[in-house]
């Protein structure tokens, strides 16, 4: 699916297909963290089955308002213990499948919100 950007300085998720996600026209094939504050970085998470709390603790550093967790092709919720550090820091967490997370991130980033999309490996889309 091809997406169209709104004017903003935040990285924009341009497209996604099985095997990759494009951010600002560059294709990524692994799990990644896209921040409305301007960064797009690989995420140390590899797949849902190997997630743990430290993966989500990585996201606290930029102090977003909201973390959108893209769980892959299907909606799978993180264990409460994994996201406890985010909740204790006052950071909201929303879980959705990765395609929905990509679209939601773009909308919120275009509104100027401090949001992070933590997207599991796109090969699961």
N, C-alpha and C. Protein backbone atom coordinates (compact mmCIF):
# COMPACT_ATOMS: atom_id res chain seq x y z
N UNK A 1 0.85 -1.16 0.00
CA UNK A 1 0.00 0.00 0.00
C UNK A 1 0.90 1.23 0.00
N UNK A 2 0.58 2.21 -0.82
CA UNK A 2 1.34 3.45 -0.88
C UNK A 2 0.59 4.52 -0.10
N UNK A 3 1.32 5.28 0.72
CA UNK A 3 0.72 6.31 1.56
C UNK A 3 1.25 7.68 1.15
N UNK A 4 0.49 8.73 1.40
CA UNK A 4 0.89 10.09 1.05
C UNK A 4 1.14 10.91 2.31
N UNK A 5 2.26 11.64 2.37
CA UNK A 5 2.60 12.39 3.59
C UNK A 5 1.84 13.71 3.75
N UNK A 6 1.64 14.11 5.00
CA UNK A 6 1.21 15.46 5.34
C UNK A 6 2.48 16.26 5.59
N UNK A 7 2.43 17.58 5.45
CA UNK A 7 3.65 18.36 5.68
C UNK A 7 4.06 18.33 7.16
N UNK A 8 5.24 17.82 7.44
CA UNK A 8 5.78 17.74 8.79
C UNK A 8 7.26 17.40 8.69
N UNK A 9 8.00 17.62 9.75
CA UNK A 9 9.41 17.26 9.77
C UNK A 9 9.63 15.85 10.30
N UNK A 10 8.59 15.21 10.79
CA UNK A 10 8.71 13.85 11.32
C UNK A 10 8.96 12.86 10.19
N UNK A 11 9.70 11.78 10.46
CA UNK A 11 9.82 10.72 9.46
C UNK A 11 8.43 10.21 9.09
N UNK A 12 8.25 9.89 7.83
CA UNK A 12 6.96 9.45 7.33
C UNK A 12 7.07 8.02 6.82
N UNK A 13 6.16 7.17 7.23
CA UNK A 13 6.13 5.80 6.71
C UNK A 13 5.40 5.85 5.37
N UNK A 14 6.18 5.69 4.29
CA UNK A 14 5.66 5.83 2.94
C UNK A 14 4.86 4.63 2.45
N UNK A 15 5.33 3.43 2.81
CA UNK A 15 4.70 2.22 2.29
C UNK A 15 5.11 1.03 3.15
N UNK A 16 4.36 -0.05 3.00
CA UNK A 16 4.72 -1.30 3.66
C UNK A 16 4.21 -2.44 2.80
N UNK A 17 4.97 -3.49 2.77
CA UNK A 17 4.64 -4.71 2.05
C UNK A 17 5.27 -5.86 2.83
N UNK A 18 4.91 -7.09 2.51
CA UNK A 18 5.60 -8.20 3.17
C UNK A 18 7.11 -8.08 2.95
N UNK A 19 7.85 -8.08 4.04
CA UNK A 19 9.30 -8.04 3.95
C UNK A 19 9.94 -6.69 4.15
N UNK A 20 9.17 -5.59 4.13
CA UNK A 20 9.79 -4.27 4.31
C UNK A 20 8.78 -3.19 4.68
N UNK A 21 9.35 -2.12 5.24
CA UNK A 21 8.62 -0.88 5.51
C UNK A 21 9.49 0.24 4.98
N UNK A 22 8.90 1.19 4.27
CA UNK A 22 9.65 2.33 3.74
C UNK A 22 9.39 3.57 4.60
N UNK A 23 10.46 4.17 5.08
CA UNK A 23 10.38 5.40 5.87
C UNK A 23 11.17 6.46 5.12
N UNK A 24 10.50 7.55 4.78
CA UNK A 24 11.11 8.62 3.98
C UNK A 24 11.77 8.06 2.72
N UNK A 25 11.13 7.07 2.11
CA UNK A 25 11.61 6.50 0.86
C UNK A 25 12.69 5.44 1.00
N UNK A 26 13.17 5.18 2.21
CA UNK A 26 14.20 4.16 2.42
C UNK A 26 13.56 2.91 2.98
N UNK A 27 13.86 1.75 2.37
CA UNK A 27 13.27 0.49 2.79
C UNK A 27 14.06 -0.13 3.94
N UNK A 28 13.32 -0.60 4.96
CA UNK A 28 13.88 -1.29 6.11
C UNK A 28 13.29 -2.69 6.17
N UNK A 29 14.11 -3.68 6.50
CA UNK A 29 13.63 -5.06 6.52
C UNK A 29 13.56 -5.66 7.92
N UNK A 30 14.04 -4.99 8.93
CA UNK A 30 13.99 -5.52 10.29
C UNK A 30 13.06 -4.71 11.15
N UNK A 31 12.97 -5.10 12.41
CA UNK A 31 12.16 -4.33 13.36
C UNK A 31 12.76 -2.94 13.52
N UNK A 32 11.92 -1.93 13.68
CA UNK A 32 12.43 -0.58 13.80
C UNK A 32 11.59 0.30 14.69
N UNK A 33 12.22 1.40 15.09
CA UNK A 33 11.59 2.41 15.92
C UNK A 33 11.57 3.70 15.11
N UNK A 34 10.38 4.22 14.86
CA UNK A 34 10.23 5.47 14.12
C UNK A 34 9.69 6.51 15.11
N UNK A 35 10.41 7.61 15.25
CA UNK A 35 10.03 8.66 16.20
C UNK A 35 9.64 9.93 15.47
N UNK A 36 8.57 10.55 15.91
CA UNK A 36 8.15 11.82 15.32
C UNK A 36 9.16 12.93 15.61
N UNK A 37 10.10 12.67 16.52
CA UNK A 37 11.15 13.64 16.82
C UNK A 37 12.26 13.60 15.78
N UNK A 38 12.17 12.73 14.80
CA UNK A 38 13.09 12.77 13.68
C UNK A 38 13.98 11.57 13.47
N UNK A 39 13.82 10.50 14.23
CA UNK A 39 14.72 9.36 14.05
C UNK A 39 13.98 8.12 13.56
N UNK A 40 14.74 7.29 12.88
CA UNK A 40 14.28 5.98 12.44
C UNK A 40 15.45 5.04 12.65
N UNK A 41 15.32 4.16 13.65
CA UNK A 41 16.44 3.31 14.06
C UNK A 41 16.02 1.86 14.12
N UNK A 42 16.98 0.95 13.91
CA UNK A 42 16.66 -0.47 14.12
C UNK A 42 16.27 -0.70 15.57
N UNK A 43 15.34 -1.61 15.80
CA UNK A 43 14.92 -1.98 17.14
C UNK A 43 15.54 -3.32 17.47
N UNK A 44 16.00 -3.50 18.68
CA UNK A 44 16.68 -4.74 19.07
C UNK A 44 15.72 -5.94 19.12
N UNK A 45 14.43 -5.69 19.10
CA UNK A 45 13.44 -6.78 19.08
C UNK A 45 13.52 -7.50 17.74
N UNK A 46 13.34 -8.81 17.76
CA UNK A 46 13.39 -9.56 16.51
C UNK A 46 12.05 -10.17 16.14
N UNK A 47 11.35 -10.70 17.15
CA UNK A 47 10.03 -11.26 16.91
C UNK A 47 9.24 -11.23 18.21
N UNK A 48 7.95 -11.40 18.10
CA UNK A 48 7.08 -11.30 19.27
C UNK A 48 7.48 -12.29 20.36
N UNK A 49 7.80 -13.50 19.97
CA UNK A 49 8.11 -14.55 20.93
C UNK A 49 9.36 -14.26 21.76
N UNK A 50 10.23 -13.41 21.27
CA UNK A 50 11.46 -13.09 21.99
C UNK A 50 11.41 -11.74 22.70
N UNK A 51 10.27 -11.07 22.71
CA UNK A 51 10.15 -9.78 23.39
C UNK A 51 10.29 -9.93 24.90
N UNK A 52 10.80 -8.86 25.52
CA UNK A 52 10.82 -8.78 26.98
C UNK A 52 10.84 -7.30 27.36
N UNK A 53 10.81 -7.02 28.64
CA UNK A 53 10.70 -5.65 29.13
C UNK A 53 11.78 -4.71 28.65
N UNK A 54 13.00 -5.19 28.50
CA UNK A 54 14.11 -4.32 28.08
C UNK A 54 13.86 -3.73 26.70
N UNK A 55 13.16 -4.45 25.83
CA UNK A 55 12.85 -3.90 24.50
C UNK A 55 11.99 -2.64 24.62
N UNK A 56 11.07 -2.64 25.55
CA UNK A 56 10.19 -1.49 25.72
C UNK A 56 10.84 -0.39 26.54
N UNK A 57 11.75 -0.76 27.44
CA UNK A 57 12.48 0.25 28.22
C UNK A 57 13.34 1.13 27.31
N UNK A 58 13.80 0.59 26.19
CA UNK A 58 14.57 1.38 25.22
C UNK A 58 13.79 2.61 24.75
N UNK A 59 12.48 2.52 24.74
CA UNK A 59 11.63 3.55 24.17
C UNK A 59 11.42 4.75 25.09
N UNK A 60 11.76 4.61 26.36
CA UNK A 60 11.53 5.66 27.34
C UNK A 60 12.45 6.87 27.10
N UNK A 61 13.63 6.63 26.58
CA UNK A 61 14.66 7.66 26.49
C UNK A 61 14.21 8.94 25.81
N UNK A 62 13.37 8.84 24.79
CA UNK A 62 12.95 10.04 24.07
C UNK A 62 11.70 10.69 24.66
N UNK A 63 11.15 10.10 25.72
CA UNK A 63 9.98 10.66 26.42
C UNK A 63 8.80 10.98 25.48
N UNK A 64 8.34 9.99 24.72
CA UNK A 64 7.17 10.26 23.87
C UNK A 64 5.89 10.36 24.70
N UNK A 65 4.86 10.92 24.10
CA UNK A 65 3.54 10.90 24.73
C UNK A 65 2.94 9.50 24.62
N UNK A 66 3.25 8.85 23.49
CA UNK A 66 2.59 7.60 23.14
C UNK A 66 3.54 6.70 22.38
N UNK A 67 3.50 5.42 22.70
CA UNK A 67 4.19 4.39 21.93
C UNK A 67 3.13 3.56 21.23
N UNK A 68 3.26 3.44 19.91
CA UNK A 68 2.38 2.58 19.14
C UNK A 68 3.17 1.32 18.82
N UNK A 69 2.75 0.20 19.37
CA UNK A 69 3.43 -1.07 19.17
C UNK A 69 2.78 -1.83 18.03
N UNK A 70 3.53 -2.06 16.96
CA UNK A 70 3.06 -2.86 15.83
C UNK A 70 3.50 -4.29 16.02
N UNK A 71 2.55 -5.19 16.26
CA UNK A 71 2.85 -6.56 16.67
C UNK A 71 3.02 -7.54 15.52
N UNK A 72 3.12 -7.05 14.28
CA UNK A 72 3.27 -7.94 13.13
C UNK A 72 1.98 -8.09 12.37
N UNK A 73 1.83 -9.21 11.71
CA UNK A 73 0.66 -9.43 10.85
C UNK A 73 -0.63 -9.56 11.65
N UNK A 74 -0.53 -10.05 12.86
CA UNK A 74 -1.74 -10.19 13.68
C UNK A 74 -1.61 -9.37 14.96
N UNK A 75 -2.73 -9.02 15.49
CA UNK A 75 -2.77 -8.27 16.74
C UNK A 75 -2.42 -9.20 17.90
N UNK A 76 -1.29 -8.88 18.58
CA UNK A 76 -0.86 -9.63 19.75
C UNK A 76 -0.44 -8.62 20.80
N UNK A 77 -1.01 -8.73 21.98
CA UNK A 77 -0.75 -7.75 23.03
C UNK A 77 0.50 -8.11 23.83
N UNK A 78 1.33 -7.09 24.14
CA UNK A 78 2.50 -7.36 24.99
C UNK A 78 2.05 -7.69 26.40
N UNK A 79 2.84 -8.47 27.09
CA UNK A 79 2.54 -8.78 28.49
C UNK A 79 2.63 -7.50 29.31
N UNK A 80 1.76 -7.34 30.30
CA UNK A 80 1.80 -6.13 31.13
C UNK A 80 3.17 -5.85 31.74
N UNK A 81 3.89 -6.88 32.11
CA UNK A 81 5.21 -6.70 32.69
C UNK A 81 6.18 -6.05 31.69
N UNK A 82 6.03 -6.33 30.40
CA UNK A 82 6.91 -5.77 29.37
C UNK A 82 6.74 -4.26 29.26
N UNK A 83 5.52 -3.78 29.42
CA UNK A 83 5.26 -2.36 29.21
C UNK A 83 5.11 -1.57 30.51
N UNK A 84 5.34 -2.23 31.63
CA UNK A 84 5.18 -1.58 32.94
C UNK A 84 6.06 -0.34 33.07
N UNK A 85 7.28 -0.39 32.56
CA UNK A 85 8.18 0.77 32.68
C UNK A 85 7.64 1.97 31.90
N UNK A 86 7.01 1.74 30.77
CA UNK A 86 6.41 2.84 30.01
C UNK A 86 5.24 3.44 30.78
N UNK A 87 4.39 2.60 31.31
CA UNK A 87 3.23 3.08 32.05
C UNK A 87 3.67 3.85 33.30
N UNK A 88 4.66 3.34 34.01
CA UNK A 88 5.17 4.03 35.20
C UNK A 88 5.77 5.38 34.85
N UNK A 89 6.30 5.53 33.62
CA UNK A 89 6.87 6.80 33.18
C UNK A 89 5.80 7.74 32.63
N UNK A 90 4.53 7.32 32.65
CA UNK A 90 3.45 8.17 32.16
C UNK A 90 3.33 8.20 30.65
N UNK A 91 3.84 7.18 29.99
CA UNK A 91 3.81 7.10 28.53
C UNK A 91 2.71 6.13 28.13
N UNK A 92 1.82 6.58 27.26
CA UNK A 92 0.74 5.72 26.79
C UNK A 92 1.25 4.66 25.83
N UNK A 93 0.57 3.53 25.80
CA UNK A 93 0.94 2.43 24.91
C UNK A 93 -0.32 1.94 24.20
N UNK A 94 -0.25 1.89 22.89
CA UNK A 94 -1.34 1.32 22.09
C UNK A 94 -0.77 0.19 21.27
N UNK A 95 -1.49 -0.90 21.17
CA UNK A 95 -1.05 -2.06 20.40
C UNK A 95 -1.98 -2.27 19.23
N UNK A 96 -1.40 -2.55 18.08
CA UNK A 96 -2.16 -2.85 16.87
C UNK A 96 -1.29 -3.66 15.94
N UNK A 97 -1.87 -4.23 14.89
CA UNK A 97 -1.02 -4.92 13.93
C UNK A 97 -0.13 -3.89 13.23
N UNK A 98 0.95 -4.34 12.63
CA UNK A 98 1.94 -3.40 12.09
C UNK A 98 1.37 -2.48 11.00
N UNK A 99 0.56 -2.96 10.05
CA UNK A 99 0.01 -2.01 9.07
C UNK A 99 -0.82 -0.89 9.73
N UNK A 100 -1.65 -1.23 10.71
CA UNK A 100 -2.44 -0.21 11.40
C UNK A 100 -1.53 0.73 12.19
N UNK A 101 -0.47 0.19 12.79
CA UNK A 101 0.47 1.02 13.54
C UNK A 101 1.16 2.03 12.62
N UNK A 102 1.52 1.61 11.41
CA UNK A 102 2.14 2.52 10.44
C UNK A 102 1.21 3.68 10.11
N UNK A 103 -0.03 3.37 9.81
CA UNK A 103 -1.01 4.41 9.46
C UNK A 103 -1.29 5.34 10.63
N UNK A 104 -1.45 4.78 11.82
CA UNK A 104 -1.74 5.59 13.00
C UNK A 104 -0.58 6.50 13.35
N UNK A 105 0.65 5.97 13.27
CA UNK A 105 1.83 6.80 13.51
C UNK A 105 1.83 8.01 12.58
N UNK A 106 1.58 7.81 11.29
CA UNK A 106 1.60 8.92 10.33
C UNK A 106 0.59 10.00 10.70
N UNK A 107 -0.61 9.59 11.09
CA UNK A 107 -1.64 10.57 11.45
C UNK A 107 -1.21 11.37 12.67
N UNK A 108 -0.76 10.67 13.73
CA UNK A 108 -0.39 11.36 14.96
C UNK A 108 0.86 12.23 14.77
N UNK A 109 1.83 11.75 14.03
CA UNK A 109 3.04 12.54 13.77
C UNK A 109 2.70 13.79 12.96
N UNK A 110 1.77 13.68 12.00
CA UNK A 110 1.39 14.84 11.20
C UNK A 110 0.64 15.88 12.02
N UNK A 111 0.08 15.46 13.16
CA UNK A 111 -0.59 16.39 14.07
C UNK A 111 0.39 17.04 15.04
N UNK A 112 1.67 16.68 14.95
CA UNK A 112 2.67 17.25 15.83
C UNK A 112 2.79 16.56 17.17
N UNK A 113 2.23 15.37 17.30
CA UNK A 113 2.31 14.62 18.56
C UNK A 113 3.68 13.99 18.72
N UNK A 114 4.15 13.84 19.96
CA UNK A 114 5.40 13.14 20.25
C UNK A 114 5.07 11.65 20.35
N UNK A 115 5.26 10.94 19.26
CA UNK A 115 4.85 9.55 19.18
C UNK A 115 5.99 8.71 18.63
N UNK A 116 6.04 7.47 19.08
CA UNK A 116 7.00 6.49 18.58
C UNK A 116 6.21 5.29 18.06
N UNK A 117 6.61 4.80 16.88
CA UNK A 117 6.09 3.54 16.38
C UNK A 117 7.18 2.50 16.58
N UNK A 118 6.91 1.50 17.40
CA UNK A 118 7.83 0.37 17.61
C UNK A 118 7.26 -0.79 16.82
N UNK A 119 7.89 -1.09 15.69
CA UNK A 119 7.32 -2.00 14.72
C UNK A 119 8.13 -3.29 14.66
N UNK A 120 7.45 -4.41 14.89
CA UNK A 120 8.14 -5.69 14.79
C UNK A 120 8.49 -5.99 13.34
N UNK A 121 9.39 -6.91 13.17
CA UNK A 121 9.93 -7.25 11.86
C UNK A 121 8.86 -7.27 10.78
N UNK A 122 9.05 -6.45 9.77
CA UNK A 122 8.05 -6.36 8.71
C UNK A 122 7.83 -7.64 7.92
N UNK A 123 8.75 -8.63 8.01
CA UNK A 123 8.52 -9.87 7.29
C UNK A 123 7.31 -10.61 7.83
N UNK A 124 6.78 -10.15 8.97
CA UNK A 124 5.57 -10.75 9.53
C UNK A 124 4.31 -10.09 9.02
N UNK A 125 4.44 -9.03 8.22
CA UNK A 125 3.23 -8.33 7.73
C UNK A 125 2.53 -9.18 6.70
